[in-house]
Amino acid sequence: MRIVVSGGGTGGHIYPALALINEIKKINPSAEFLYIGTDNGLESGIVKRENIPFKAIEITGFKRKISIDNIKTIIKFLKGVKDSKKYIKEFNPNVVIGTGGYVCGPVVYAASRLHIPTIIHEQNSVPGITNKFLSRFVDKIAICFEEAERFFPYEKTVLTGNPRASEVMGKVGVKGMVNTDLNLSQKTVLIVGGSRGAKPINDAFIEVLDEAVKRDYQFLYVTGEIHYAAVLEKVKSVGNPKNVIIKPFIHNMPEVLSGVDLIVARAGATTLAEVTALGLPSILIPSPYVTNNHQEKNARSLSDKGAALIRLENELTGRLLLNDIDSILQNQQKLKMMKEASKQIGIPDAARRLYNVVMELT
């Protein structure tokens, strides 16, 4: 089996692709892969480190208003299609899979013109412009949220979930807690704003640190590398509370997630796939700086089912955040109900489901 995969721009497009590749390798060790991305995107470094053959094309996204840059983008798209056809013909794949980002546009479109089976994977509840465009040409559309179904042709669309969810299953929570200096006998809240951190979440938690120290549960507080030094200075002023463990970044996040009781986080598609696969309750503060406000819509798909609480960034305060945490961890019945609701949403075998879609087309 030979498979071309394309996805880029953000980790939310790249890591599901890598999770699918890893799943296919487990099932079929002889499978061969070619990843097509861009040289200036995150995928260039991440994919090459995984020793996956990589080819690059040049592409940019469309502006949402009339602009001369859009003419340049069309020219790059046409060249990207030409280059993609060349790479695809040389590799001769059985199927081509796009996991999102501008780079998928020319790659998946080129494959469809060459009559090679094609799949796109949409991680969010509201699809991006590239997947909306490609939905007319591909053979199958894999989605992670039921809410995304209305944007795509019904007969092509299948709910698979996010392959990244499969990678958190079977991890040892105790190991993750020990490695991050957590107390195994206490309930744990993970507060994280993404790989770079989120200043509004940091500011809200710092605001109530003097109250957090009085709680009988512990906090694992991941600041993000760029905020770490400033946060440490502020924490010193309240005496470095023993129940607040502060880290700039967590490298073994799947293990840590498996050991905590509650997470406070943004509402990116990968995060939500992981927490629901584990049946983890959440307090979600969606980023307002994303296309189509998709994080808030992602978050509401959980809160509407009782798996999460939502706090919009413009209403977030430290007092409100701590009250929300208390309302969950100090109410055993609510904690249990949110866990069950989260698990009902989760699709822990998402990578296998997407693999099955691949096999249907090959």
Foldseek 3Di string as FASTA:
>chain_A
DEEEEEFWADPLQVVLRVLLVVVVCVVPVVYAYEYEYACPTPCVVVVVVVVHHYDYADADDDDPDDDPVNVVRVVSLVVLLVVLLVVCVVRVGQEYEYRDDGSVQSNQVSCLVVVHAYEYEALFLDGDPSCLVCLVRHQAYEYAFPSNCVSHDNVRYDHQHRSLQLVLPPAALVVLCVVQVHDLVFAEEEEAEPQQADVLSLQQQLQCVLVVLPDRHAYEYAHAQVCQVVSVVSCVVNPVRPRYRYHPGDPPVSNNLLHHQEYEYEQRSSVLQNCLCNLHAYEYAHDCPDPPSRRVVSVCSLVVQLQYHYDYSVRRHNVVVVVVVCVQVVDPVSSVSNSVSSPVSHNNCSSVSVVVVVVVSD
